[in-house]
Amino acid sequence: MAALAFTTAKVCTTQPSATDPDALAALRALAETYKTLISGIYYEKIPDIPVQREIYAALTALLDDLKQKQAAAGTSDTLKNQDIFHVVIFLFRMGLLRGNGRPRSRRFIEFLRGQFPQAEELKREEPRIIVP
């Protein structure tokens, strides 16, 4: 769960136009993909908006990488699609609770950034205004 939250925050940090509805739409699309995977069908509904698509792509790349690492290690404790679905749904619901419902809000994204205060990738950019 921490890896998914960190990746979401990292992608939203690199995209200044990313808002809470974008992150929530990407999480919803990922949840729908894993819901179909649980039933045995592989159907991927990639978001149409570029920012949402970028968040979705980063999250799927992370999950694919984690699955490949576990397969290469040969551990019996692998990620199950159902478990991933539940974690994504948890993050989506947390986003609904942490956001304020406004279309340009970044409250959920800022909450995710606040969960990883030591991460260099999530640091705020220094202000460009020089104060004498």
C-alpha atoms as a PDB file:
ATOM      1  CA  MET A   1       0.000   0.000   0.000  1.00  0.00           C
ATOM      2  CA  ALA A   2       2.835   2.380   0.819  1.00  0.00           C
ATOM      3  CA  ALA A   3       4.406   1.799  -2.588  1.00  0.00           C
ATOM      4  CA  LEU A   4       1.139   2.620  -4.368  1.00  0.00           C
ATOM      5  CA  ALA A   5       0.590   5.743  -2.266  1.00  0.00           C
ATOM      6  CA  PHE A   6       4.200   6.879  -2.783  1.00  0.00           C
ATOM      7  CA  THR A   7       4.025   6.324  -6.547  1.00  0.00           C
ATOM      8  CA  THR A   8       0.763   8.247  -6.766  1.00  0.00           C
ATOM      9  CA  ALA A   9       2.256  11.145  -4.803  1.00  0.00           C
ATOM     10  CA  LYS A  10       5.462  11.084  -6.866  1.00  0.00           C
ATOM     11  CA  VAL A  11       3.671  11.220 -10.217  1.00  0.00           C
ATOM     12  CA  CYS A  12       1.339  13.963  -8.989  1.00  0.00           C
ATOM     13  CA  THR A  13       4.345  15.944  -7.749  1.00  0.00           C
ATOM     14  CA  THR A  14       5.985  15.832 -11.171  1.00  0.00           C
ATOM     15  CA  GLN A  15       2.715  16.904 -12.808  1.00  0.00           C
ATOM     16  CA  PRO A  16       1.655  20.296 -11.402  1.00  0.00           C
ATOM     17  CA  SER A  17      -1.679  20.044 -13.237  1.00  0.00           C
ATOM     18  CA  ALA A  18      -2.618  16.815 -11.407  1.00  0.00           C
ATOM     19  CA  THR A  19      -5.563  17.172  -9.047  1.00  0.00           C
ATOM     20  CA  ASP A  20      -7.395  14.908  -6.633  1.00  0.00           C
ATOM     21  CA  PRO A  21     -10.027  13.925  -9.224  1.00  0.00           C
ATOM     22  CA  ASP A  22      -7.196  12.853 -11.554  1.00  0.00           C
ATOM     23  CA  ALA A  23      -5.622  10.637  -8.895  1.00  0.00           C
ATOM     24  CA  LEU A  24      -9.011   9.200  -7.945  1.00  0.00           C
ATOM     25  CA  ALA A  25      -9.887   8.467 -11.572  1.00  0.00           C
ATOM     26  CA  ALA A  26      -6.590   6.628 -12.046  1.00  0.00           C
ATOM     27  CA  LEU A  27      -7.158   4.608  -8.874  1.00  0.00           C
ATOM     28  CA  ARG A  28     -10.716   3.806  -9.983  1.00  0.00           C
ATOM     29  CA  ALA A  29      -9.492   2.610 -13.385  1.00  0.00           C
ATOM     30  CA  LEU A  30      -6.847   0.442 -11.713  1.00  0.00           C
ATOM     31  CA  ALA A  31      -9.460  -1.016  -9.368  1.00  0.00           C
ATOM     32  CA  GLU A  32     -11.725  -1.834 -12.319  1.00  0.00           C
ATOM     33  CA  THR A  33      -8.830  -3.557 -14.079  1.00  0.00           C
ATOM     34  CA  TYR A  34      -8.071  -5.732 -11.062  1.00  0.00           C
ATOM     35  CA  LYS A  35     -11.752  -6.445 -10.508  1.00  0.00           C
ATOM     36  CA  THR A  36     -11.923  -7.982 -13.969  1.00  0.00           C
ATOM     37  CA  LEU A  37      -8.648  -9.840 -13.361  1.00  0.00           C
ATOM     38  CA  ILE A  38     -10.189 -11.473 -10.286  1.00  0.00           C
ATOM     39  CA  SER A  39     -12.988 -12.853 -12.441  1.00  0.00           C
ATOM     40  CA  GLY A  40     -10.446 -14.266 -14.895  1.00  0.00           C
ATOM     41  CA  ILE A  41     -10.806 -11.698 -17.658  1.00  0.00           C
ATOM     42  CA  TYR A  42      -8.046  -9.303 -18.589  1.00  0.00           C
ATOM     43  CA  TYR A  43      -9.646  -6.003 -19.560  1.00  0.00           C
ATOM     44  CA  GLU A  44      -7.784  -2.792 -19.032  1.00  0.00           C
ATOM     45  CA  LYS A  45      -9.718   0.483 -19.029  1.00  0.00           C
ATOM     46  CA  ILE A  46      -7.027   3.114 -19.415  1.00  0.00           C
ATOM     47  CA  PRO A  47      -8.143   6.682 -18.610  1.00  0.00           C
ATOM     48  CA  ASP A  48      -8.468   9.109 -21.533  1.00  0.00           C
ATOM     49  CA  ILE A  49      -7.050  12.219 -19.855  1.00  0.00           C
ATOM     50  CA  PRO A  50      -3.216  12.338 -20.133  1.00  0.00           C
ATOM     51  CA  VAL A  51      -2.540  13.126 -16.454  1.00  0.00           C
ATOM     52  CA  GLN A  52      -4.787  10.292 -15.314  1.00  0.00           C
ATOM     53  CA  ARG A  53      -3.203   7.978 -17.880  1.00  0.00           C
ATOM     54  CA  GLU A  54       0.276   8.817 -16.564  1.00  0.00           C
ATOM     55  CA  ILE A  55      -0.724   8.054 -12.964  1.00  0.00           C
ATOM     56  CA  TYR A  56      -2.377   4.807 -14.081  1.00  0.00           C
ATOM     57  CA  ALA A  57       0.681   3.776 -16.121  1.00  0.00           C
ATOM     58  CA  ALA A  58       3.039   4.441 -13.208  1.00  0.00           C
ATOM     59  CA  LEU A  59       0.897   2.362 -10.844  1.00  0.00           C
ATOM     60  CA  THR A  60       0.596  -0.573 -13.268  1.00  0.00           C
ATOM     61  CA  ALA A  61       4.351  -0.447 -13.940  1.00  0.00           C
ATOM     62  CA  LEU A  62       4.999  -0.570 -10.189  1.00  0.00           C
ATOM     63  CA  LEU A  63       2.699  -3.545  -9.697  1.00  0.00           C
ATOM     64  CA  ASP A  64       4.141  -5.393 -12.702  1.00  0.00           C
ATOM     65  CA  ASP A  65       7.655  -4.781 -11.385  1.00  0.00           C
ATOM     66  CA  LEU A  66       6.726  -6.075  -7.918  1.00  0.00           C
ATOM     67  CA  LYS A  67       5.166  -9.202  -9.431  1.00  0.00           C
ATOM     68  CA  GLN A  68       8.249  -9.855 -11.585  1.00  0.00           C
ATOM     69  CA  LYS A  69      10.596  -9.445  -8.618  1.00  0.00           C
ATOM     70  CA  GLN A  70       8.565 -11.884  -6.560  1.00  0.00           C
ATOM     71  CA  ALA A  71       8.465 -14.375  -9.423  1.00  0.00           C
ATOM     72  CA  ALA A  72      12.236 -14.096  -9.891  1.00  0.00           C
ATOM     73  CA  ALA A  73      12.847 -14.580  -6.176  1.00  0.00           C
ATOM     74  CA  GLY A  74      10.689 -17.700  -6.231  1.00  0.00           C
ATOM     75  CA  THR A  75       8.876 -16.866  -3.032  1.00  0.00           C
ATOM     76  CA  SER A  76       5.643 -18.660  -2.281  1.00  0.00           C
ATOM     77  CA  ASP A  77       4.154 -15.468  -0.892  1.00  0.00           C
ATOM     78  CA  THR A  78       3.124 -13.651  -4.085  1.00  0.00           C
ATOM     79  CA  LEU A  79       0.867 -10.704  -4.712  1.00  0.00           C
ATOM     80  CA  LYS A  80      -2.660 -11.815  -5.476  1.00  0.00           C
ATOM     81  CA  ASN A  81      -4.944  -9.816  -7.723  1.00  0.00           C
ATOM     82  CA  GLN A  82      -7.630  -9.817  -5.067  1.00  0.00           C
ATOM     83  CA  ASP A  83      -5.261  -8.334  -2.475  1.00  0.00           C
ATOM     84  CA  ILE A  84      -4.134  -5.642  -4.911  1.00  0.00           C
ATOM     85  CA  PHE A  85      -7.786  -4.850  -5.654  1.00  0.00           C
ATOM     86  CA  HIS A  86      -8.533  -4.386  -1.952  1.00  0.00           C
ATOM     87  CA  VAL A  87      -5.520  -2.113  -1.421  1.00  0.00           C
ATOM     88  CA  VAL A  88      -6.428   0.044  -4.437  1.00  0.00           C
ATOM     89  CA  ILE A  89     -10.019   0.320  -3.224  1.00  0.00           C
ATOM     90  CA  PHE A  90      -8.714   1.337   0.222  1.00  0.00           C
ATOM     91  CA  LEU A  91      -6.579   4.102  -1.316  1.00  0.00           C
ATOM     92  CA  PHE A  92      -9.515   5.232  -3.455  1.00  0.00           C
ATOM     93  CA  ARG A  93     -11.807   5.463  -0.438  1.00  0.00           C
ATOM     94  CA  MET A  94      -9.123   7.279   1.526  1.00  0.00           C
ATOM     95  CA  GLY A  95      -8.931   9.751  -1.341  1.00  0.00           C
ATOM     96  CA  LEU A  96     -12.664  10.298  -1.188  1.00  0.00           C
ATOM     97  CA  LEU A  97     -12.450  10.972   2.542  1.00  0.00           C
ATOM     98  CA  ARG A  98      -9.337  13.185   2.395  1.00  0.00           C
ATOM     99  CA  GLY A  99     -10.401  15.228  -0.623  1.00  0.00           C
ATOM    100  CA  ASN A 100     -12.881  18.048  -0.421  1.00  0.00           C
ATOM    101  CA  GLY A 101     -14.724  17.316  -3.676  1.00  0.00           C
ATOM    102  CA  ARG A 102     -13.625  20.433  -5.524  1.00  0.00           C
ATOM    103  CA  PRO A 103     -12.428  19.922  -9.092  1.00  0.00           C
ATOM    104  CA  ARG A 104      -9.028  21.644  -8.653  1.00  0.00           C
ATOM    105  CA  SER A 105      -8.318  20.348  -5.155  1.00  0.00           C
ATOM    106  CA  ARG A 106      -4.955  18.770  -4.247  1.00  0.00           C
ATOM    107  CA  ARG A 107      -5.808  17.940  -0.656  1.00  0.00           C
ATOM    108  CA  PHE A 108      -5.521  14.146  -1.068  1.00  0.00           C
ATOM    109  CA  ILE A 109      -2.251  14.518  -2.987  1.00  0.00           C
ATOM    110  CA  GLU A 110      -0.840  16.735  -0.243  1.00  0.00           C
ATOM    111  CA  PHE A 111      -1.967  14.181   2.334  1.00  0.00           C
ATOM    112  CA  LEU A 112      -0.046  11.457   0.469  1.00  0.00           C
ATOM    113  CA  ARG A 113       3.023  13.696   0.252  1.00  0.00           C
ATOM    114  CA  GLY A 114       2.815  14.299   3.983  1.00  0.00           C
ATOM    115  CA  GLN A 115       3.014  10.568   4.671  1.00  0.00           C
ATOM    116  CA  PHE A 116       6.556  10.449   3.251  1.00  0.00           C
ATOM    117  CA  PRO A 117       8.323  13.522   4.707  1.00  0.00           C
ATOM    118  CA  GLN A 118      11.856  12.173   4.166  1.00  0.00           C
ATOM    119  CA  ALA A 119      11.434  11.379   0.449  1.00  0.00           C
ATOM    120  CA  GLU A 120      13.529  13.621  -1.783  1.00  0.00           C
ATOM    121  CA  GLU A 121      11.224  13.005  -4.770  1.00  0.00           C
ATOM    122  CA  LEU A 122       8.306  14.618  -2.930  1.00  0.00           C
ATOM    123  CA  LYS A 123      10.059  17.734  -1.668  1.00  0.00           C
ATOM    124  CA  ARG A 124       8.523  21.047  -2.562  1.00  0.00           C
ATOM    125  CA  GLU A 125      10.275  23.248  -5.076  1.00  0.00           C
ATOM    126  CA  GLU A 126      12.047  26.238  -3.565  1.00  0.00           C
ATOM    127  CA  PRO A 127      10.201  29.521  -4.155  1.00  0.00           C
ATOM    128  CA  ARG A 128      11.551  31.592  -7.007  1.00  0.00           C
ATOM    129  CA  ILE A 129      10.839  34.900  -5.333  1.00  0.00           C
ATOM    130  CA  ILE A 130      13.908  36.407  -3.723  1.00  0.00           C
ATOM    131  CA  VAL A 131      13.154  38.212  -0.488  1.00  0.00           C
ATOM    132  CA  PRO A 132      15.761  40.859   0.457  1.00  0.00           C
END
